[in-house]
């Protein structure tokens, strides 16, 4: 975000909530929704492509009983892939060379009577807490969800688009 607004130029970097920066393909429409009082970034591919990418971010201070922000981040990543949810599949948790964690899963759901496939990503890293003068760290995370009508899942054009989204998210910079 820049001065409270998202920076968006075709194919340029998108910043959100002073937590993440990433680059989407050109032509995506950018908007903000509110869900449970929290702003949610929404990104829609240019027509005729279907689907919507949503983004929320958080900065989580480790609990006193947790060893570190890195441990908190790992716990968040493992919960994110929903190991007990039978609707979820294709679960992975990986570490990037820069120390960031990427958790990914896919979930088949029904929203308002429509069958959808949701592709989910969490990208997070341990960062210094700016507001904390003691120099503590937090788990800074960006959580992405790409909702696609189930009928479109597996379509060649959607597979190509998902590949570009996955690349953008995997290369996201946690601030």
C-alpha atoms as a PDB file:
ATOM      1  CA  UNK A   1       0.000   0.000   0.000  1.00  0.00           C
ATOM      2  CA  UNK A   2       1.128   3.520  -0.671  1.00  0.00           C
ATOM      3  CA  UNK A   3      -0.491   6.324   1.334  1.00  0.00           C
ATOM      4  CA  UNK A   4      -3.355   3.992   2.240  1.00  0.00           C
ATOM      5  CA  UNK A   5      -4.000   2.940  -1.369  1.00  0.00           C
ATOM      6  CA  UNK A   6      -2.837  -0.084  -3.304  1.00  0.00           C
ATOM      7  CA  UNK A   7      -0.282   0.542  -5.993  1.00  0.00           C
ATOM      8  CA  UNK A   8      -1.443  -1.159  -9.168  1.00  0.00           C
ATOM      9  CA  UNK A   9      -0.091  -0.718 -12.655  1.00  0.00           C
ATOM     10  CA  UNK A  10      -0.505  -3.452 -15.274  1.00  0.00           C
ATOM     11  CA  UNK A  11       1.966  -6.161 -14.427  1.00  0.00           C
ATOM     12  CA  UNK A  12       3.526  -4.076 -11.681  1.00  0.00           C
ATOM     13  CA  UNK A  13       4.095  -4.806  -8.029  1.00  0.00           C
ATOM     14  CA  UNK A  14       1.120  -4.813  -5.689  1.00  0.00           C
ATOM     15  CA  UNK A  15       1.670  -3.931  -2.041  1.00  0.00           C
ATOM     16  CA  UNK A  16      -0.834  -4.859   0.634  1.00  0.00           C
ATOM     17  CA  UNK A  17      -1.084  -3.703   4.257  1.00  0.00           C
ATOM     18  CA  UNK A  18       2.649  -3.005   4.565  1.00  0.00           C
ATOM     19  CA  UNK A  19       3.109  -6.781   4.828  1.00  0.00           C
ATOM     20  CA  UNK A  20       3.498  -8.231   1.324  1.00  0.00           C
ATOM     21  CA  UNK A  21       4.541  -7.204  -2.162  1.00  0.00           C
ATOM     22  CA  UNK A  22       3.915  -9.357  -5.226  1.00  0.00           C
ATOM     23  CA  UNK A  23       3.439  -9.073  -8.983  1.00  0.00           C
ATOM     24  CA  UNK A  24       0.338 -10.218 -10.822  1.00  0.00           C
ATOM     25  CA  UNK A  25       0.034 -10.612 -14.578  1.00  0.00           C
ATOM     26  CA  UNK A  26      -1.157  -7.528 -16.501  1.00  0.00           C
ATOM     27  CA  UNK A  27      -4.821  -6.614 -16.691  1.00  0.00           C
ATOM     28  CA  UNK A  28      -6.062  -7.853 -13.322  1.00  0.00           C
ATOM     29  CA  UNK A  29      -8.777  -5.738 -11.667  1.00  0.00           C
ATOM     30  CA  UNK A  30      -7.981  -4.701  -8.099  1.00  0.00           C
ATOM     31  CA  UNK A  31     -10.565  -4.009  -5.404  1.00  0.00           C
ATOM     32  CA  UNK A  32     -11.037  -4.159  -1.641  1.00  0.00           C
ATOM     33  CA  UNK A  33     -13.828  -6.069   0.100  1.00  0.00           C
ATOM     34  CA  UNK A  34     -14.590  -6.132   3.785  1.00  0.00           C
ATOM     35  CA  UNK A  35     -15.053  -9.461   5.560  1.00  0.00           C
ATOM     36  CA  UNK A  36     -15.791  -9.545   9.276  1.00  0.00           C
ATOM     37  CA  UNK A  37     -14.495  -5.986   9.587  1.00  0.00           C
ATOM     38  CA  UNK A  38     -11.165  -6.749   7.932  1.00  0.00           C
ATOM     39  CA  UNK A  39     -10.102  -5.405   4.516  1.00  0.00           C
ATOM     40  CA  UNK A  40      -9.586  -8.144   1.945  1.00  0.00           C
ATOM     41  CA  UNK A  41      -7.685  -7.483  -1.275  1.00  0.00           C
ATOM     42  CA  UNK A  42      -9.492  -8.910  -4.295  1.00  0.00           C
ATOM     43  CA  UNK A  43      -7.913  -9.441  -7.680  1.00  0.00           C
ATOM     44  CA  UNK A  44      -9.822 -10.604 -10.753  1.00  0.00           C
ATOM     45  CA  UNK A  45      -8.234 -11.775 -13.999  1.00  0.00           C
ATOM     46  CA  UNK A  46      -9.228 -10.034 -17.213  1.00  0.00           C
ATOM     47  CA  UNK A  47     -12.292 -11.480 -19.007  1.00  0.00           C
ATOM     48  CA  UNK A  48     -13.056 -14.085 -20.149  1.00  0.00           C
ATOM     49  CA  UNK A  49     -11.009 -15.730 -17.371  1.00  0.00           C
ATOM     50  CA  UNK A  50     -12.897 -16.793 -14.258  1.00  0.00           C
ATOM     51  CA  UNK A  51     -12.058 -16.756 -10.581  1.00  0.00           C
ATOM     52  CA  UNK A  52     -11.044 -14.330  -7.882  1.00  0.00           C
ATOM     53  CA  UNK A  53      -7.858 -14.096  -5.829  1.00  0.00           C
ATOM     54  CA  UNK A  54      -8.321 -12.842  -2.272  1.00  0.00           C
ATOM     55  CA  UNK A  55      -5.614 -11.692   0.135  1.00  0.00           C
ATOM     56  CA  UNK A  56      -5.480 -11.022   3.865  1.00  0.00           C
ATOM     57  CA  UNK A  57      -2.405 -10.392   5.977  1.00  0.00           C
ATOM     58  CA  UNK A  58      -1.519 -10.587   9.638  1.00  0.00           C
ATOM     59  CA  UNK A  59       1.362 -10.005  12.001  1.00  0.00           C
ATOM     60  CA  UNK A  60       1.280 -12.449  14.914  1.00  0.00           C
ATOM     61  CA  UNK A  61       3.257 -11.922  18.096  1.00  0.00           C
ATOM     62  CA  UNK A  62       4.450 -15.236  19.562  1.00  0.00           C
ATOM     63  CA  UNK A  63       2.695 -16.395  22.725  1.00  0.00           C
ATOM     64  CA  UNK A  64       4.849 -16.303  25.860  1.00  0.00           C
ATOM     65  CA  UNK A  65       4.980 -20.116  25.873  1.00  0.00           C
ATOM     66  CA  UNK A  66       6.233 -20.222  22.262  1.00  0.00           C
ATOM     67  CA  UNK A  67       9.987 -20.345  21.681  1.00  0.00           C
ATOM     68  CA  UNK A  68      10.079 -17.847  18.802  1.00  0.00           C
ATOM     69  CA  UNK A  69       8.250 -16.141  15.950  1.00  0.00           C
ATOM     70  CA  UNK A  70       9.731 -18.805  13.656  1.00  0.00           C
ATOM     71  CA  UNK A  71       8.011 -21.516  15.721  1.00  0.00           C
ATOM     72  CA  UNK A  72       4.746 -19.542  15.611  1.00  0.00           C
ATOM     73  CA  UNK A  73       5.081 -19.244  11.835  1.00  0.00           C
ATOM     74  CA  UNK A  74       5.646 -22.990  11.442  1.00  0.00           C
ATOM     75  CA  UNK A  75       2.581 -23.743  13.605  1.00  0.00           C
ATOM     76  CA  UNK A  76       0.484 -21.344  11.492  1.00  0.00           C
ATOM     77  CA  UNK A  77       1.662 -22.995   8.269  1.00  0.00           C
ATOM     78  CA  UNK A  78       0.803 -26.477   9.533  1.00  0.00           C
ATOM     79  CA  UNK A  79      -2.690 -25.369  10.659  1.00  0.00           C
ATOM     80  CA  UNK A  80      -3.210 -23.524   7.358  1.00  0.00           C
ATOM     81  CA  UNK A  81      -3.037 -26.726   5.303  1.00  0.00           C
ATOM     82  CA  UNK A  82      -5.914 -28.152   7.399  1.00  0.00           C
ATOM     83  CA  UNK A  83      -4.586 -31.636   8.067  1.00  0.00           C
ATOM     84  CA  UNK A  84      -7.868 -32.812   9.627  1.00  0.00           C
ATOM     85  CA  UNK A  85     -10.185 -31.416   6.908  1.00  0.00           C
ATOM     86  CA  UNK A  86     -11.208 -34.124   4.410  1.00  0.00           C
ATOM     87  CA  UNK A  87     -12.120 -31.446   1.803  1.00  0.00           C
ATOM     88  CA  UNK A  88      -8.493 -30.300   1.599  1.00  0.00           C
ATOM     89  CA  UNK A  89      -5.791 -31.970  -0.449  1.00  0.00           C
ATOM     90  CA  UNK A  90      -2.456 -31.375  -2.174  1.00  0.00           C
ATOM     91  CA  UNK A  91      -1.004 -30.055   1.071  1.00  0.00           C
ATOM     92  CA  UNK A  92       2.592 -28.863   1.215  1.00  0.00           C
ATOM     93  CA  UNK A  93       4.696 -26.813   3.619  1.00  0.00           C
ATOM     94  CA  UNK A  94       8.060 -25.658   2.305  1.00  0.00           C
ATOM     95  CA  UNK A  95      10.849 -23.277   3.267  1.00  0.00           C
ATOM     96  CA  UNK A  96      12.263 -20.772   0.798  1.00  0.00           C
ATOM     97  CA  UNK A  97      15.979 -20.032   0.571  1.00  0.00           C
ATOM     98  CA  UNK A  98      15.350 -16.616   2.197  1.00  0.00           C
ATOM     99  CA  UNK A  99      13.846 -18.287   5.275  1.00  0.00           C
ATOM    100  CA  UNK A 100      10.202 -17.632   4.380  1.00  0.00           C
ATOM    101  CA  UNK A 101       7.654 -20.444   4.713  1.00  0.00           C
ATOM    102  CA  UNK A 102       5.105 -21.353   2.034  1.00  0.00           C
ATOM    103  CA  UNK A 103       2.100 -23.511   2.873  1.00  0.00           C
ATOM    104  CA  UNK A 104      -0.223 -24.593   0.085  1.00  0.00           C
ATOM    105  CA  UNK A 105      -3.428 -26.608  -0.168  1.00  0.00           C
ATOM    106  CA  UNK A 106      -6.409 -27.104  -2.431  1.00  0.00           C
ATOM    107  CA  UNK A 107      -9.989 -27.399  -1.207  1.00  0.00           C
ATOM    108  CA  UNK A 108     -13.238 -28.316  -2.933  1.00  0.00           C
ATOM    109  CA  UNK A 109     -16.201 -26.461  -1.446  1.00  0.00           C
ATOM    110  CA  UNK A 110     -19.724 -25.360  -2.137  1.00  0.00           C
ATOM    111  CA  UNK A 111     -20.407 -21.621  -1.878  1.00  0.00           C
ATOM    112  CA  UNK A 112     -24.016 -20.420  -2.175  1.00  0.00           C
ATOM    113  CA  UNK A 113     -24.927 -23.653  -3.990  1.00  0.00           C
ATOM    114  CA  UNK A 114     -22.005 -23.399  -6.452  1.00  0.00           C
ATOM    115  CA  UNK A 115     -19.228 -25.976  -6.508  1.00  0.00           C
ATOM    116  CA  UNK A 116     -15.858 -24.236  -6.254  1.00  0.00           C
ATOM    117  CA  UNK A 117     -12.229 -25.158  -6.015  1.00  0.00           C
ATOM    118  CA  UNK A 118     -10.100 -23.004  -3.739  1.00  0.00           C
ATOM    119  CA  UNK A 119      -6.346 -22.875  -4.112  1.00  0.00           C
ATOM    120  CA  UNK A 120      -4.792 -21.640  -0.867  1.00  0.00           C
ATOM    121  CA  UNK A 121      -1.339 -20.236  -0.082  1.00  0.00           C
ATOM    122  CA  UNK A 122       0.251 -18.857   3.070  1.00  0.00           C
ATOM    123  CA  UNK A 123       3.561 -17.054   2.695  1.00  0.00           C
ATOM    124  CA  UNK A 124       5.183 -15.926   5.902  1.00  0.00           C
ATOM    125  CA  UNK A 125       8.437 -14.876   7.456  1.00  0.00           C
ATOM    126  CA  UNK A 126       9.844 -13.798  10.785  1.00  0.00           C
ATOM    127  CA  UNK A 127      10.139 -10.014  10.862  1.00  0.00           C
ATOM    128  CA  UNK A 128      11.109  -7.369  13.400  1.00  0.00           C
ATOM    129  CA  UNK A 129       8.109  -5.847  15.127  1.00  0.00           C
ATOM    130  CA  UNK A 130       8.279  -2.160  14.234  1.00  0.00           C
ATOM    131  CA  UNK A 131       6.094  -1.050  17.142  1.00  0.00           C
ATOM    132  CA  UNK A 132       8.112  -3.066  19.655  1.00  0.00           C
ATOM    133  CA  UNK A 133      11.001  -1.029  21.017  1.00  0.00           C
ATOM    134  CA  UNK A 134      12.413  -4.160  22.648  1.00  0.00           C
ATOM    135  CA  UNK A 135      13.263  -5.470  19.192  1.00  0.00           C
ATOM    136  CA  UNK A 136      11.030  -8.541  19.264  1.00  0.00           C
ATOM    137  CA  UNK A 137       9.970 -10.462  16.192  1.00  0.00           C
ATOM    138  CA  UNK A 138       6.591 -11.415  14.751  1.00  0.00           C
ATOM    139  CA  UNK A 139       5.310 -13.925  12.232  1.00  0.00           C
ATOM    140  CA  UNK A 140       4.283 -11.779   9.246  1.00  0.00           C
ATOM    141  CA  UNK A 141       1.958 -13.680   6.904  1.00  0.00           C
ATOM    142  CA  UNK A 142       0.056 -13.176   3.667  1.00  0.00           C
ATOM    143  CA  UNK A 143      -2.801 -15.613   3.020  1.00  0.00           C
ATOM    144  CA  UNK A 144      -4.053 -15.968  -0.537  1.00  0.00           C
ATOM    145  CA  UNK A 145      -7.122 -17.843  -1.794  1.00  0.00           C
ATOM    146  CA  UNK A 146      -7.996 -18.278  -5.459  1.00  0.00           C
ATOM    147  CA  UNK A 147     -11.639 -19.358  -5.883  1.00  0.00           C
ATOM    148  CA  UNK A 148     -12.504 -20.939  -9.198  1.00  0.00           C
ATOM    149  CA  UNK A 149     -15.803 -22.465 -10.360  1.00  0.00           C
ATOM    150  CA  UNK A 150     -15.335 -26.237 -10.148  1.00  0.00           C
ATOM    151  CA  UNK A 151     -16.442 -26.556 -13.788  1.00  0.00           C
ATOM    152  CA  UNK A 152     -13.389 -24.533 -14.838  1.00  0.00           C
ATOM    153  CA  UNK A 153     -10.911 -26.454 -12.680  1.00  0.00           C
ATOM    154  CA  UNK A 154      -8.617 -28.434 -14.957  1.00  0.00           C
ATOM    155  CA  UNK A 155      -9.295 -26.286 -18.037  1.00  0.00           C
ATOM    156  CA  UNK A 156      -6.036 -25.549 -19.898  1.00  0.00           C
ATOM    157  CA  UNK A 157      -6.465 -21.756 -19.686  1.00  0.00           C
ATOM    158  CA  UNK A 158      -7.135 -22.002 -15.935  1.00  0.00           C
ATOM    159  CA  UNK A 159      -4.117 -24.235 -15.421  1.00  0.00           C
ATOM    160  CA  UNK A 160      -1.927 -21.662 -17.143  1.00  0.00           C
ATOM    161  CA  UNK A 161      -3.409 -18.851 -15.046  1.00  0.00           C
ATOM    162  CA  UNK A 162      -2.938 -20.868 -11.828  1.00  0.00           C
ATOM    163  CA  UNK A 163       0.703 -21.385 -12.776  1.00  0.00           C
ATOM    164  CA  UNK A 164       1.186 -17.618 -13.092  1.00  0.00           C
ATOM    165  CA  UNK A 165      -0.609 -16.991  -9.780  1.00  0.00           C
ATOM    166  CA  UNK A 166       1.454 -19.673  -8.033  1.00  0.00           C
ATOM    167  CA  UNK A 167       4.656 -18.111  -9.384  1.00  0.00           C
ATOM    168  CA  UNK A 168       3.590 -14.633  -8.229  1.00  0.00           C
ATOM    169  CA  UNK A 169       2.759 -15.874  -4.728  1.00  0.00           C
ATOM    170  CA  UNK A 170       5.857 -18.047  -4.372  1.00  0.00           C
ATOM    171  CA  UNK A 171       7.962 -14.992  -5.242  1.00  0.00           C
ATOM    172  CA  UNK A 172       6.022 -12.635  -2.940  1.00  0.00           C
ATOM    173  CA  UNK A 173       8.146 -10.494  -0.649  1.00  0.00           C
ATOM    174  CA  UNK A 174       7.147 -10.426   3.006  1.00  0.00           C
ATOM    175  CA  UNK A 175       7.891  -6.947   4.360  1.00  0.00           C
END
